[in-house]
């Protein structure tokens, strides 16, 4: 059964309807998800918005319900978010810094990664070609800026290779596959080893503290690495 031809009722159907109409359609998108990118208040502690995941879910709701109002709300969220970008393509909820240093702090890149995934899914499920164009523009910004970071092992990149491989699957642009497969990424300080997807002979971890039982390893990021490697296997069955 395709996502756009569903027939779900009972408790599962009720919960999906509630998610779409009693959650997404009543969320304060302006203050909760757009204003941080428009106003870019100075960061005090850690801040992650997760707007890309909202776009992802919203696109599925639009396709599932077939409701023009759900689709309209999602399109506006995307368009308004993309208006907050700087001339160089920067999308973030922190003020820009020299050399783009803000892109490697406070989960700014994390928000960009999932924005790319959400935009791709809006294109796949809702057929909006503009969303695919936005996804490519944001991915190209990441391709241009990520290699400049002297410390890739200090940035959360859980969705980065997945976003690039998904974009490759949609566009066939080999730049995205090569970046996903060859760029060293991953924060070893309690998350995942800093390595590229093709690297299997890993040697010693960069930070031995990740092996101590008192540290909390980020299971989600480890599984995200494994999932990205299964995605890579589709095009490189090694």
C-alpha atoms as a PDB file:
ATOM      1  CA  UNK A   1       0.000   0.000   0.000  1.00  0.00           C
ATOM      2  CA  UNK A   2       1.603   3.268  -1.089  1.00  0.00           C
ATOM      3  CA  UNK A   3       1.809   6.162   1.358  1.00  0.00           C
ATOM      4  CA  UNK A   4      -0.566   8.160  -0.836  1.00  0.00           C
ATOM      5  CA  UNK A   5      -3.179   5.346  -0.994  1.00  0.00           C
ATOM      6  CA  UNK A   6      -3.712   4.427   2.664  1.00  0.00           C
ATOM      7  CA  UNK A   7      -6.688   2.852   4.355  1.00  0.00           C
ATOM      8  CA  UNK A   8      -5.861   2.799   8.041  1.00  0.00           C
ATOM      9  CA  UNK A   9      -8.461   2.896  10.793  1.00  0.00           C
ATOM     10  CA  UNK A  10      -8.743   1.736  14.373  1.00  0.00           C
ATOM     11  CA  UNK A  11      -6.194   2.842  16.958  1.00  0.00           C
ATOM     12  CA  UNK A  12      -3.329   3.214  14.471  1.00  0.00           C
ATOM     13  CA  UNK A  13      -5.437   5.379  12.178  1.00  0.00           C
ATOM     14  CA  UNK A  14      -6.626   7.501  15.110  1.00  0.00           C
ATOM     15  CA  UNK A  15      -3.087   8.120  16.307  1.00  0.00           C
ATOM     16  CA  UNK A  16      -1.898   9.140  12.857  1.00  0.00           C
ATOM     17  CA  UNK A  17      -4.832  11.540  12.511  1.00  0.00           C
ATOM     18  CA  UNK A  18      -4.028  12.981  15.941  1.00  0.00           C
ATOM     19  CA  UNK A  19      -0.380  13.479  15.006  1.00  0.00           C
ATOM     20  CA  UNK A  20      -1.357  15.325  11.841  1.00  0.00           C
ATOM     21  CA  UNK A  21      -4.235  17.458  13.120  1.00  0.00           C
ATOM     22  CA  UNK A  22      -3.829  17.720  16.917  1.00  0.00           C
ATOM     23  CA  UNK A  23      -0.056  18.036  16.870  1.00  0.00           C
ATOM     24  CA  UNK A  24       1.436  19.290  13.613  1.00  0.00           C
ATOM     25  CA  UNK A  25      -1.446  21.515  12.531  1.00  0.00           C
ATOM     26  CA  UNK A  26      -1.541  23.302  15.897  1.00  0.00           C
ATOM     27  CA  UNK A  27       2.208  23.653  16.516  1.00  0.00           C
ATOM     28  CA  UNK A  28       3.467  27.217  16.848  1.00  0.00           C
ATOM     29  CA  UNK A  29       5.788  27.009  13.866  1.00  0.00           C
ATOM     30  CA  UNK A  30       6.533  30.736  13.919  1.00  0.00           C
ATOM     31  CA  UNK A  31       7.973  30.950  17.424  1.00  0.00           C
ATOM     32  CA  UNK A  32       9.132  27.391  17.883  1.00  0.00           C
ATOM     33  CA  UNK A  33      10.787  26.645  14.563  1.00  0.00           C
ATOM     34  CA  UNK A  34      11.160  29.774  12.407  1.00  0.00           C
ATOM     35  CA  UNK A  35      12.020  32.625  14.783  1.00  0.00           C
ATOM     36  CA  UNK A  36      15.292  31.006  15.984  1.00  0.00           C
ATOM     37  CA  UNK A  37      16.521  31.051  12.368  1.00  0.00           C
ATOM     38  CA  UNK A  38      15.187  34.537  11.688  1.00  0.00           C
ATOM     39  CA  UNK A  39      16.489  36.176  14.865  1.00  0.00           C
ATOM     40  CA  UNK A  40      19.563  34.035  15.574  1.00  0.00           C
ATOM     41  CA  UNK A  41      19.882  34.840  19.273  1.00  0.00           C
ATOM     42  CA  UNK A  42      23.336  34.281  20.791  1.00  0.00           C
ATOM     43  CA  UNK A  43      23.666  30.744  22.038  1.00  0.00           C
ATOM     44  CA  UNK A  44      23.547  30.176  25.772  1.00  0.00           C
ATOM     45  CA  UNK A  45      24.338  26.547  26.301  1.00  0.00           C
ATOM     46  CA  UNK A  46      23.220  23.969  23.757  1.00  0.00           C
ATOM     47  CA  UNK A  47      20.378  24.510  21.332  1.00  0.00           C
ATOM     48  CA  UNK A  48      18.927  22.220  18.670  1.00  0.00           C
ATOM     49  CA  UNK A  49      15.729  23.148  16.800  1.00  0.00           C
ATOM     50  CA  UNK A  50      15.006  20.030  14.721  1.00  0.00           C
ATOM     51  CA  UNK A  51      13.063  21.855  12.012  1.00  0.00           C
ATOM     52  CA  UNK A  52      14.165  19.345   9.373  1.00  0.00           C
ATOM     53  CA  UNK A  53      12.438  16.542  11.249  1.00  0.00           C
ATOM     54  CA  UNK A  54       9.255  18.617  11.385  1.00  0.00           C
ATOM     55  CA  UNK A  55       9.440  19.109   7.600  1.00  0.00           C
ATOM     56  CA  UNK A  56       9.995  15.373   7.157  1.00  0.00           C
ATOM     57  CA  UNK A  57       6.974  14.422   9.275  1.00  0.00           C
ATOM     58  CA  UNK A  58       4.835  17.181   7.768  1.00  0.00           C
ATOM     59  CA  UNK A  59       5.572  15.990   4.239  1.00  0.00           C
ATOM     60  CA  UNK A  60       4.441  12.488   5.145  1.00  0.00           C
ATOM     61  CA  UNK A  61       1.294  13.869   6.782  1.00  0.00           C
ATOM     62  CA  UNK A  62       0.525  15.880   3.646  1.00  0.00           C
ATOM     63  CA  UNK A  63       0.900  12.814   1.448  1.00  0.00           C
ATOM     64  CA  UNK A  64      -1.014  10.569   3.858  1.00  0.00           C
ATOM     65  CA  UNK A  65      -4.004  12.846   4.402  1.00  0.00           C
ATOM     66  CA  UNK A  66      -4.186  14.366   0.927  1.00  0.00           C
ATOM     67  CA  UNK A  67      -5.286  17.533   2.733  1.00  0.00           C
ATOM     68  CA  UNK A  68      -4.443  20.727   0.848  1.00  0.00           C
ATOM     69  CA  UNK A  69      -4.223  22.683   4.126  1.00  0.00           C
ATOM     70  CA  UNK A  70      -1.587  20.329   5.522  1.00  0.00           C
ATOM     71  CA  UNK A  71       0.408  20.640   2.289  1.00  0.00           C
ATOM     72  CA  UNK A  72       0.017  24.439   2.268  1.00  0.00           C
ATOM     73  CA  UNK A  73       1.247  24.742   5.857  1.00  0.00           C
ATOM     74  CA  UNK A  74       4.259  22.570   5.049  1.00  0.00           C
ATOM     75  CA  UNK A  75       5.149  24.526   1.913  1.00  0.00           C
ATOM     76  CA  UNK A  76       5.013  27.787   3.848  1.00  0.00           C
ATOM     77  CA  UNK A  77       7.244  26.370   6.593  1.00  0.00           C
ATOM     78  CA  UNK A  78       9.829  25.388   3.983  1.00  0.00           C
ATOM     79  CA  UNK A  79       9.686  28.679   2.086  1.00  0.00           C
ATOM     80  CA  UNK A  80       9.922  30.804   5.226  1.00  0.00           C
ATOM     81  CA  UNK A  81      12.829  28.741   6.550  1.00  0.00           C
ATOM     82  CA  UNK A  82      14.756  29.089   3.294  1.00  0.00           C
ATOM     83  CA  UNK A  83      14.285  32.871   3.411  1.00  0.00           C
ATOM     84  CA  UNK A  84      16.465  32.976   6.540  1.00  0.00           C
ATOM     85  CA  UNK A  85      19.606  31.837   4.706  1.00  0.00           C
ATOM     86  CA  UNK A  86      22.560  34.151   4.240  1.00  0.00           C
ATOM     87  CA  UNK A  87      23.918  35.014   0.807  1.00  0.00           C
ATOM     88  CA  UNK A  88      26.572  32.290   1.133  1.00  0.00           C
ATOM     89  CA  UNK A  89      23.892  29.675   1.908  1.00  0.00           C
ATOM     90  CA  UNK A  90      24.288  29.527   5.688  1.00  0.00           C
ATOM     91  CA  UNK A  91      21.171  28.265   7.467  1.00  0.00           C
ATOM     92  CA  UNK A  92      21.293  28.358  11.233  1.00  0.00           C
ATOM     93  CA  UNK A  93      19.942  29.613  14.532  1.00  0.00           C
ATOM     94  CA  UNK A  94      23.182  31.327  15.627  1.00  0.00           C
ATOM     95  CA  UNK A  95      24.803  34.537  14.376  1.00  0.00           C
ATOM     96  CA  UNK A  96      27.361  34.000  11.613  1.00  0.00           C
ATOM     97  CA  UNK A  97      31.015  34.056  12.677  1.00  0.00           C
ATOM     98  CA  UNK A  98      34.266  34.615  10.743  1.00  0.00           C
ATOM     99  CA  UNK A  99      35.257  31.652   8.563  1.00  0.00           C
ATOM    100  CA  UNK A 100      31.845  30.101   9.233  1.00  0.00           C
ATOM    101  CA  UNK A 101      32.933  28.820  12.636  1.00  0.00           C
ATOM    102  CA  UNK A 102      29.332  28.826  13.860  1.00  0.00           C
ATOM    103  CA  UNK A 103      28.670  25.935  11.515  1.00  0.00           C
ATOM    104  CA  UNK A 104      30.691  23.594  13.729  1.00  0.00           C
ATOM    105  CA  UNK A 105      29.152  24.461  17.075  1.00  0.00           C
ATOM    106  CA  UNK A 106      25.923  23.914  18.936  1.00  0.00           C
ATOM    107  CA  UNK A 107      24.344  21.447  16.503  1.00  0.00           C
ATOM    108  CA  UNK A 108      24.058  23.979  13.681  1.00  0.00           C
ATOM    109  CA  UNK A 109      25.255  21.356  11.183  1.00  0.00           C
ATOM    110  CA  UNK A 110      22.895  18.827  12.786  1.00  0.00           C
ATOM    111  CA  UNK A 111      19.935  21.052  11.924  1.00  0.00           C
ATOM    112  CA  UNK A 112      21.239  21.424   8.365  1.00  0.00           C
ATOM    113  CA  UNK A 113      21.630  17.663   7.902  1.00  0.00           C
ATOM    114  CA  UNK A 114      18.037  16.919   8.819  1.00  0.00           C
ATOM    115  CA  UNK A 115      16.776  19.915   6.854  1.00  0.00           C
ATOM    116  CA  UNK A 116      18.304  18.301   3.762  1.00  0.00           C
ATOM    117  CA  UNK A 117      16.555  15.012   4.554  1.00  0.00           C
ATOM    118  CA  UNK A 118      13.227  16.734   5.221  1.00  0.00           C
ATOM    119  CA  UNK A 119      13.428  18.690   1.970  1.00  0.00           C
ATOM    120  CA  UNK A 120      14.191  15.540  -0.013  1.00  0.00           C
ATOM    121  CA  UNK A 121      11.201  13.788   1.520  1.00  0.00           C
ATOM    122  CA  UNK A 122       8.985  16.752   0.678  1.00  0.00           C
ATOM    123  CA  UNK A 123      10.068  16.306  -2.924  1.00  0.00           C
ATOM    124  CA  UNK A 124       9.611  12.518  -2.834  1.00  0.00           C
ATOM    125  CA  UNK A 125       6.217  12.481  -1.116  1.00  0.00           C
ATOM    126  CA  UNK A 126       4.686  15.769  -2.255  1.00  0.00           C
ATOM    127  CA  UNK A 127       6.373  16.206  -5.631  1.00  0.00           C
ATOM    128  CA  UNK A 128       7.620  19.746  -4.961  1.00  0.00           C
ATOM    129  CA  UNK A 129      10.645  20.221  -7.239  1.00  0.00           C
ATOM    130  CA  UNK A 130      11.515  23.438  -5.418  1.00  0.00           C
ATOM    131  CA  UNK A 131      12.195  21.437  -2.258  1.00  0.00           C
ATOM    132  CA  UNK A 132      14.723  19.291  -4.113  1.00  0.00           C
ATOM    133  CA  UNK A 133      16.414  22.458  -5.349  1.00  0.00           C
ATOM    134  CA  UNK A 134      16.561  23.760  -1.769  1.00  0.00           C
ATOM    135  CA  UNK A 135      18.017  20.440  -0.599  1.00  0.00           C
ATOM    136  CA  UNK A 136      20.760  20.596  -3.219  1.00  0.00           C
ATOM    137  CA  UNK A 137      21.618  24.184  -2.352  1.00  0.00           C
ATOM    138  CA  UNK A 138      21.922  23.393   1.335  1.00  0.00           C
ATOM    139  CA  UNK A 139      23.902  20.212   0.652  1.00  0.00           C
ATOM    140  CA  UNK A 140      26.270  22.148  -1.621  1.00  0.00           C
ATOM    141  CA  UNK A 141      26.837  24.632   1.201  1.00  0.00           C
ATOM    142  CA  UNK A 142      27.773  21.741   3.502  1.00  0.00           C
ATOM    143  CA  UNK A 143      30.087  20.273   0.854  1.00  0.00           C
ATOM    144  CA  UNK A 144      31.864  23.608   0.590  1.00  0.00           C
ATOM    145  CA  UNK A 145      32.189  24.319   4.316  1.00  0.00           C
ATOM    146  CA  UNK A 146      32.598  20.973   6.107  1.00  0.00           C
ATOM    147  CA  UNK A 147      36.128  20.261   4.751  1.00  0.00           C
ATOM    148  CA  UNK A 148      37.291  23.602   6.202  1.00  0.00           C
ATOM    149  CA  UNK A 149      36.597  22.468   9.746  1.00  0.00           C
ATOM    150  CA  UNK A 150      39.949  21.608  11.369  1.00  0.00           C
ATOM    151  CA  UNK A 151      38.227  19.463  13.996  1.00  0.00           C
ATOM    152  CA  UNK A 152      35.571  17.239  12.371  1.00  0.00           C
ATOM    153  CA  UNK A 153      35.751  15.020  15.449  1.00  0.00           C
ATOM    154  CA  UNK A 154      34.027  17.712  17.532  1.00  0.00           C
ATOM    155  CA  UNK A 155      30.798  17.990  15.534  1.00  0.00           C
ATOM    156  CA  UNK A 156      27.618  15.911  15.690  1.00  0.00           C
ATOM    157  CA  UNK A 157      27.108  14.458  12.202  1.00  0.00           C
ATOM    158  CA  UNK A 158      24.523  11.731  12.798  1.00  0.00           C
ATOM    159  CA  UNK A 159      22.402  12.557   9.747  1.00  0.00           C
ATOM    160  CA  UNK A 160      25.162  13.832   7.466  1.00  0.00           C
ATOM    161  CA  UNK A 161      26.062  10.747   5.377  1.00  0.00           C
ATOM    162  CA  UNK A 162      22.429   9.606   5.300  1.00  0.00           C
ATOM    163  CA  UNK A 163      21.340  12.976   3.903  1.00  0.00           C
ATOM    164  CA  UNK A 164      24.037  12.974   1.233  1.00  0.00           C
ATOM    165  CA  UNK A 165      23.394   9.364   0.186  1.00  0.00           C
ATOM    166  CA  UNK A 166      19.657   9.996   0.016  1.00  0.00           C
ATOM    167  CA  UNK A 167      20.307  13.028  -2.160  1.00  0.00           C
ATOM    168  CA  UNK A 168      22.583  10.956  -4.392  1.00  0.00           C
ATOM    169  CA  UNK A 169      19.829   8.365  -4.750  1.00  0.00           C
ATOM    170  CA  UNK A 170      17.417  11.054  -5.946  1.00  0.00           C
ATOM    171  CA  UNK A 171      19.763  13.081  -8.170  1.00  0.00           C
ATOM    172  CA  UNK A 172      22.512  10.680  -9.271  1.00  0.00           C
ATOM    173  CA  UNK A 173      25.067  13.424  -8.528  1.00  0.00           C
ATOM    174  CA  UNK A 174      28.232  11.512  -7.570  1.00  0.00           C
ATOM    175  CA  UNK A 175      29.566  14.428  -5.492  1.00  0.00           C
ATOM    176  CA  UNK A 176      27.122  13.550  -2.735  1.00  0.00           C
ATOM    177  CA  UNK A 177      28.043   9.866  -2.712  1.00  0.00           C
ATOM    178  CA  UNK A 178      31.771  10.595  -2.623  1.00  0.00           C
ATOM    179  CA  UNK A 179      31.402  13.082   0.204  1.00  0.00           C
ATOM    180  CA  UNK A 180      29.278  10.680   2.238  1.00  0.00           C
ATOM    181  CA  UNK A 181      31.685   7.794   1.692  1.00  0.00           C
ATOM    182  CA  UNK A 182      35.047   9.556   2.087  1.00  0.00           C
ATOM    183  CA  UNK A 183      34.595  12.463   4.527  1.00  0.00           C
ATOM    184  CA  UNK A 184      35.801  11.660   8.033  1.00  0.00           C
ATOM    185  CA  UNK A 185      33.019  12.484  10.457  1.00  0.00           C
ATOM    186  CA  UNK A 186      31.774  11.576  13.904  1.00  0.00           C
ATOM    187  CA  UNK A 187      32.309  12.879  17.426  1.00  0.00           C
ATOM    188  CA  UNK A 188      34.256  10.211  19.355  1.00  0.00           C
ATOM    189  CA  UNK A 189      33.611  11.846  22.729  1.00  0.00           C
ATOM    190  CA  UNK A 190      30.719   9.625  23.724  1.00  0.00           C
ATOM    191  CA  UNK A 191      29.123   9.277  20.275  1.00  0.00           C
ATOM    192  CA  UNK A 192      30.900   7.386  17.484  1.00  0.00           C
ATOM    193  CA  UNK A 193      34.389   7.002  16.079  1.00  0.00           C
ATOM    194  CA  UNK A 194      35.559   9.702  13.676  1.00  0.00           C
ATOM    195  CA  UNK A 195      35.965   7.814  10.412  1.00  0.00           C
ATOM    196  CA  UNK A 196      34.621   7.623   6.875  1.00  0.00           C
ATOM    197  CA  UNK A 197      32.028   5.040   5.846  1.00  0.00           C
ATOM    198  CA  UNK A 198      34.566   3.105   3.776  1.00  0.00           C
ATOM    199  CA  UNK A 199      37.024   2.795   6.665  1.00  0.00           C
ATOM    200  CA  UNK A 200      36.857  -0.603   8.345  1.00  0.00           C
ATOM    201  CA  UNK A 201      40.415  -1.055   9.653  1.00  0.00           C
ATOM    202  CA  UNK A 202      39.893   1.558  12.315  1.00  0.00           C
ATOM    203  CA  UNK A 203      42.699   0.931  14.769  1.00  0.00           C
ATOM    204  CA  UNK A 204      42.610   2.620  18.162  1.00  0.00           C
ATOM    205  CA  UNK A 205      39.752   5.034  18.955  1.00  0.00           C
ATOM    206  CA  UNK A 206      40.740   8.700  18.970  1.00  0.00           C
ATOM    207  CA  UNK A 207      39.436   8.990  22.505  1.00  0.00           C
ATOM    208  CA  UNK A 208      39.936   6.010  24.789  1.00  0.00           C
ATOM    209  CA  UNK A 209      37.326   7.470  27.148  1.00  0.00           C
ATOM    210  CA  UNK A 210      34.604   6.276  24.779  1.00  0.00           C
ATOM    211  CA  UNK A 211      35.356   2.758  26.012  1.00  0.00           C
ATOM    212  CA  UNK A 212      34.773   3.535  29.693  1.00  0.00           C
ATOM    213  CA  UNK A 213      31.517   2.185  31.073  1.00  0.00           C
ATOM    214  CA  UNK A 214      30.812   5.389  32.996  1.00  0.00           C
ATOM    215  CA  UNK A 215      30.511   7.333  29.724  1.00  0.00           C
ATOM    216  CA  UNK A 216      27.195   7.264  27.892  1.00  0.00           C
ATOM    217  CA  UNK A 217      27.719   6.241  24.272  1.00  0.00           C
ATOM    218  CA  UNK A 218      25.206   7.739  21.862  1.00  0.00           C
ATOM    219  CA  UNK A 219      23.551   4.582  20.516  1.00  0.00           C
ATOM    220  CA  UNK A 220      21.502   6.551  17.963  1.00  0.00           C
ATOM    221  CA  UNK A 221      24.649   7.909  16.308  1.00  0.00           C
ATOM    222  CA  UNK A 222      26.246   4.460  16.188  1.00  0.00           C
ATOM    223  CA  UNK A 223      23.138   3.007  14.543  1.00  0.00           C
ATOM    224  CA  UNK A 224      23.025   5.986  12.147  1.00  0.00           C
ATOM    225  CA  UNK A 225      26.598   5.133  11.055  1.00  0.00           C
ATOM    226  CA  UNK A 226      25.632   1.502  10.453  1.00  0.00           C
ATOM    227  CA  UNK A 227      22.502   2.522   8.548  1.00  0.00           C
ATOM    228  CA  UNK A 228      24.512   4.842   6.301  1.00  0.00           C
ATOM    229  CA  UNK A 229      26.900   1.995   5.553  1.00  0.00           C
ATOM    230  CA  UNK A 230      23.978  -0.190   4.462  1.00  0.00           C
ATOM    231  CA  UNK A 231      22.872   2.670   2.197  1.00  0.00           C
ATOM    232  CA  UNK A 232      26.363   2.872   0.694  1.00  0.00           C
ATOM    233  CA  UNK A 233      26.245  -0.892   0.095  1.00  0.00           C
ATOM    234  CA  UNK A 234      23.354  -0.370  -2.353  1.00  0.00           C
ATOM    235  CA  UNK A 235      25.746   1.389  -4.742  1.00  0.00           C
ATOM    236  CA  UNK A 236      29.033  -0.155  -3.586  1.00  0.00           C
ATOM    237  CA  UNK A 237      28.330  -3.804  -2.665  1.00  0.00           C
ATOM    238  CA  UNK A 238      31.676  -4.318  -0.900  1.00  0.00           C
END
